Amino acid sequence: MKQHPSAHDIRQSALQALADEINCRHGVDEDALGREGWFTAKTMAEQLGMTLDATDKRLRRRLAAGTVERRIEVLNGNKTSFYKVK
């Protein structure tokens, strides 16, 4: 039996959708983030000549160790993780 969402869940999802829409309209300039030292895992993998899986695994390990920072931004309507070495 399907449960109906509570009013709180509906408000939260509406607020999240609004925040995502605002972020999509303003967008994030990937080049500006790159100048600040923030890079996607895909960009790092290309620069290091490694596979995306290996780069992602290393980034997650370093994120857990606290040597890398993670920032999630909306880029072209999709949530994208950016990483920066501390």
N, C-alpha and C. Protein backbone atom coordinates (compact mmCIF):
# COMPACT_ATOMS: atom_id res chain seq x y z
N MET A 1 0.84 -1.17 0.00
CA MET A 1 0.00 0.00 0.00
C MET A 1 0.89 1.25 0.00
N LYS A 2 0.61 2.16 -0.89
CA LYS A 2 1.42 3.36 -1.01
C LYS A 2 1.06 4.35 0.09
N GLN A 3 2.09 4.87 0.74
CA GLN A 3 1.85 5.85 1.79
C GLN A 3 1.82 7.25 1.19
N HIS A 4 0.98 8.08 1.71
CA HIS A 4 0.89 9.45 1.23
C HIS A 4 1.96 10.29 1.91
N PRO A 5 2.59 11.19 1.18
CA PRO A 5 3.61 12.03 1.80
C PRO A 5 2.98 13.02 2.78
N SER A 6 3.70 13.31 3.83
CA SER A 6 3.20 14.27 4.80
C SER A 6 3.35 15.68 4.24
N ALA A 7 2.71 16.63 4.88
CA ALA A 7 2.79 18.02 4.43
C ALA A 7 4.22 18.53 4.52
N HIS A 8 4.96 18.06 5.53
CA HIS A 8 6.35 18.48 5.70
C HIS A 8 7.20 18.04 4.51
N ASP A 9 7.00 16.78 4.09
CA ASP A 9 7.75 16.25 2.95
C ASP A 9 7.45 17.04 1.66
N ILE A 10 6.19 17.41 1.50
CA ILE A 10 5.79 18.16 0.30
C ILE A 10 6.44 19.54 0.32
N ARG A 11 6.44 20.20 1.49
CA ARG A 11 7.07 21.52 1.60
C ARG A 11 8.57 21.42 1.36
N GLN A 12 9.22 20.39 1.94
CA GLN A 12 10.66 20.22 1.76
C GLN A 12 11.00 20.02 0.29
N SER A 13 10.25 19.18 -0.39
CA SER A 13 10.55 18.93 -1.80
C SER A 13 10.29 20.18 -2.64
N ALA A 14 9.27 20.97 -2.28
CA ALA A 14 9.00 22.20 -3.01
C ALA A 14 10.12 23.21 -2.79
N LEU A 15 10.62 23.32 -1.56
CA LEU A 15 11.72 24.22 -1.26
C LEU A 15 13.00 23.80 -1.98
N GLN A 16 13.25 22.49 -2.02
CA GLN A 16 14.44 21.99 -2.71
C GLN A 16 14.35 22.25 -4.21
N ALA A 17 13.16 22.06 -4.78
CA ALA A 17 12.97 22.32 -6.20
C ALA A 17 13.19 23.80 -6.51
N LEU A 18 12.72 24.68 -5.63
CA LEU A 18 12.92 26.11 -5.82
C LEU A 18 14.40 26.47 -5.74
N ALA A 19 15.09 25.90 -4.76
CA ALA A 19 16.53 26.17 -4.63
C ALA A 19 17.29 25.67 -5.85
N ASP A 20 16.94 24.49 -6.35
CA ASP A 20 17.59 23.96 -7.55
C ASP A 20 17.32 24.86 -8.76
N GLU A 21 16.08 25.36 -8.86
CA GLU A 21 15.73 26.23 -9.99
C GLU A 21 16.53 27.54 -9.93
N ILE A 22 16.69 28.10 -8.74
CA ILE A 22 17.46 29.33 -8.58
C ILE A 22 18.91 29.08 -8.96
N ASN A 23 19.47 27.97 -8.50
CA ASN A 23 20.86 27.63 -8.83
C ASN A 23 21.03 27.41 -10.32
N CYS A 24 20.04 26.80 -10.97
CA CYS A 24 20.12 26.55 -12.41
C CYS A 24 20.10 27.86 -13.19
N ARG A 25 19.28 28.80 -12.73
CA ARG A 25 19.18 30.08 -13.43
C ARG A 25 20.49 30.85 -13.32
N HIS A 26 21.06 30.87 -12.13
CA HIS A 26 22.29 31.61 -11.94
C HIS A 26 23.47 30.82 -12.48
N GLY A 27 23.40 29.52 -12.35
CA GLY A 27 24.45 28.65 -12.88
C GLY A 27 25.78 28.83 -12.16
N VAL A 28 26.68 27.96 -12.45
CA VAL A 28 28.01 28.00 -11.88
C VAL A 28 28.99 28.04 -13.04
N ASP A 29 29.95 28.91 -12.96
CA ASP A 29 30.96 29.01 -13.99
C ASP A 29 32.09 28.05 -13.65
N GLU A 30 32.18 26.95 -14.40
CA GLU A 30 33.18 25.92 -14.12
C GLU A 30 34.60 26.47 -14.24
N ASP A 31 34.82 27.39 -15.16
CA ASP A 31 36.15 27.99 -15.31
C ASP A 31 36.53 28.80 -14.10
N ALA A 32 35.56 29.54 -13.53
CA ALA A 32 35.84 30.34 -12.33
C ALA A 32 36.18 29.44 -11.16
N LEU A 33 35.48 28.32 -11.02
CA LEU A 33 35.79 27.38 -9.95
C LEU A 33 37.18 26.78 -10.15
N GLY A 34 37.54 26.52 -11.41
CA GLY A 34 38.86 25.97 -11.71
C GLY A 34 39.97 26.93 -11.32
N ARG A 35 39.74 28.22 -11.52
CA ARG A 35 40.75 29.22 -11.13
C ARG A 35 40.90 29.26 -9.61
N GLU A 36 39.83 28.91 -8.88
CA GLU A 36 39.88 28.90 -7.42
C GLU A 36 40.44 27.57 -6.89
N GLY A 37 40.72 26.63 -7.77
CA GLY A 37 41.29 25.35 -7.35
C GLY A 37 40.28 24.23 -7.19
N TRP A 38 39.03 24.44 -7.62
CA TRP A 38 37.98 23.42 -7.55
C TRP A 38 37.89 22.71 -8.89
N PHE A 39 37.97 21.37 -8.87
CA PHE A 39 37.91 20.59 -10.11
C PHE A 39 36.96 19.41 -9.94
N THR A 40 36.36 18.98 -11.05
CA THR A 40 35.53 17.78 -11.02
C THR A 40 36.44 16.55 -11.06
N ALA A 41 35.89 15.42 -10.68
CA ALA A 41 36.67 14.18 -10.71
C ALA A 41 37.06 13.85 -12.15
N LYS A 42 36.18 14.15 -13.10
CA LYS A 42 36.47 13.87 -14.51
C LYS A 42 37.67 14.70 -15.00
N THR A 43 37.71 15.98 -14.62
CA THR A 43 38.82 16.85 -15.02
C THR A 43 40.13 16.35 -14.41
N MET A 44 40.07 15.97 -13.13
CA MET A 44 41.27 15.46 -12.46
C MET A 44 41.76 14.18 -13.11
N ALA A 45 40.83 13.30 -13.47
CA ALA A 45 41.20 12.04 -14.11
C ALA A 45 41.90 12.29 -15.44
N GLU A 46 41.38 13.25 -16.21
CA GLU A 46 42.00 13.57 -17.50
C GLU A 46 43.40 14.15 -17.32
N GLN A 47 43.57 15.02 -16.32
CA GLN A 47 44.87 15.63 -16.09
C GLN A 47 45.89 14.63 -15.58
N LEU A 48 45.43 13.67 -14.77
CA LEU A 48 46.34 12.68 -14.19
C LEU A 48 46.55 11.46 -15.09
N GLY A 49 45.72 11.32 -16.12
CA GLY A 49 45.83 10.17 -17.01
C GLY A 49 45.35 8.88 -16.35
N MET A 50 44.37 9.01 -15.46
CA MET A 50 43.83 7.84 -14.75
C MET A 50 42.38 7.65 -15.18
N THR A 51 41.83 6.49 -14.83
CA THR A 51 40.41 6.26 -15.10
C THR A 51 39.58 7.05 -14.10
N LEU A 52 38.33 7.30 -14.46
CA LEU A 52 37.44 8.05 -13.59
C LEU A 52 37.15 7.27 -12.30
N ASP A 53 37.02 5.94 -12.41
CA ASP A 53 36.76 5.12 -11.23
C ASP A 53 37.91 5.20 -10.23
N ALA A 54 39.13 5.11 -10.71
CA ALA A 54 40.29 5.17 -9.82
C ALA A 54 40.40 6.54 -9.16
N THR A 55 40.15 7.59 -9.93
CA THR A 55 40.22 8.95 -9.39
C THR A 55 39.13 9.16 -8.35
N ASP A 56 37.92 8.68 -8.65
CA ASP A 56 36.80 8.82 -7.72
C ASP A 56 37.08 8.10 -6.40
N LYS A 57 37.64 6.89 -6.50
CA LYS A 57 37.95 6.11 -5.31
C LYS A 57 38.99 6.83 -4.45
N ARG A 58 40.02 7.38 -5.09
CA ARG A 58 41.06 8.11 -4.34
C ARG A 58 40.51 9.38 -3.70
N LEU A 59 39.64 10.09 -4.44
CA LEU A 59 39.05 11.31 -3.89
C LEU A 59 38.17 11.00 -2.67
N ARG A 60 37.38 9.93 -2.75
CA ARG A 60 36.53 9.57 -1.62
C ARG A 60 37.36 9.16 -0.40
N ARG A 61 38.47 8.47 -0.64
CA ARG A 61 39.36 8.09 0.46
C ARG A 61 39.96 9.32 1.12
N ARG A 62 40.41 10.27 0.30
CA ARG A 62 41.00 11.50 0.83
C ARG A 62 39.95 12.40 1.47
N LEU A 63 38.72 12.34 0.99
CA LEU A 63 37.63 13.09 1.59
C LEU A 63 37.35 12.58 3.00
N ALA A 64 37.37 11.27 3.16
CA ALA A 64 37.16 10.66 4.48
C ALA A 64 38.32 11.00 5.42
N ALA A 65 39.54 11.11 4.87
CA ALA A 65 40.71 11.43 5.68
C ALA A 65 40.78 12.92 6.01
N GLY A 66 40.01 13.73 5.29
CA GLY A 66 39.98 15.16 5.55
C GLY A 66 41.04 15.97 4.82
N THR A 67 41.65 15.39 3.79
CA THR A 67 42.67 16.13 3.05
C THR A 67 42.12 16.78 1.79
N VAL A 68 40.85 16.51 1.48
CA VAL A 68 40.20 17.08 0.30
C VAL A 68 38.85 17.66 0.73
N GLU A 69 38.47 18.79 0.15
CA GLU A 69 37.16 19.39 0.39
C GLU A 69 36.25 19.06 -0.79
N ARG A 70 34.95 18.96 -0.52
CA ARG A 70 33.98 18.67 -1.57
C ARG A 70 32.92 19.76 -1.57
N ARG A 71 32.53 20.18 -2.76
CA ARG A 71 31.52 21.21 -2.93
C ARG A 71 30.57 20.74 -4.02
N ILE A 72 29.28 20.72 -3.73
CA ILE A 72 28.30 20.28 -4.72
C ILE A 72 27.60 21.51 -5.29
N GLU A 73 27.64 21.64 -6.60
CA GLU A 73 27.03 22.77 -7.30
C GLU A 73 26.13 22.24 -8.41
N VAL A 74 25.22 23.08 -8.86
CA VAL A 74 24.36 22.73 -9.99
C VAL A 74 25.03 23.29 -11.24
N LEU A 75 25.35 22.39 -12.16
CA LEU A 75 26.03 22.76 -13.41
C LEU A 75 25.22 22.21 -14.57
N ASN A 76 24.71 23.08 -15.40
CA ASN A 76 23.86 22.68 -16.54
C ASN A 76 22.65 21.86 -16.09
N GLY A 77 22.08 22.20 -14.96
CA GLY A 77 20.90 21.52 -14.46
C GLY A 77 21.18 20.22 -13.72
N ASN A 78 22.43 19.83 -13.59
CA ASN A 78 22.80 18.59 -12.88
C ASN A 78 23.66 18.92 -11.68
N LYS A 79 23.49 18.17 -10.60
CA LYS A 79 24.34 18.35 -9.44
C LYS A 79 25.70 17.77 -9.75
N THR A 80 26.75 18.54 -9.51
CA THR A 80 28.12 18.13 -9.83
C THR A 80 29.00 18.36 -8.61
N SER A 81 29.85 17.39 -8.30
CA SER A 81 30.78 17.52 -7.18
C SER A 81 32.09 18.13 -7.67
N PHE A 82 32.58 19.09 -6.92
CA PHE A 82 33.87 19.70 -7.18
C PHE A 82 34.76 19.42 -5.98
N TYR A 83 36.03 19.16 -6.23
CA TYR A 83 36.97 18.81 -5.17
C TYR A 83 38.13 19.79 -5.17
N LYS A 84 38.66 20.03 -3.96
CA LYS A 84 39.80 20.92 -3.81
C LYS A 84 40.69 20.37 -2.70
N VAL A 85 41.99 20.34 -2.95
CA VAL A 85 42.92 19.86 -1.95
C VAL A 85 43.09 20.95 -0.89
N LYS A 86 43.04 20.54 0.38
CA LYS A 86 43.16 21.53 1.48
C LYS A 86 44.57 22.03 1.59
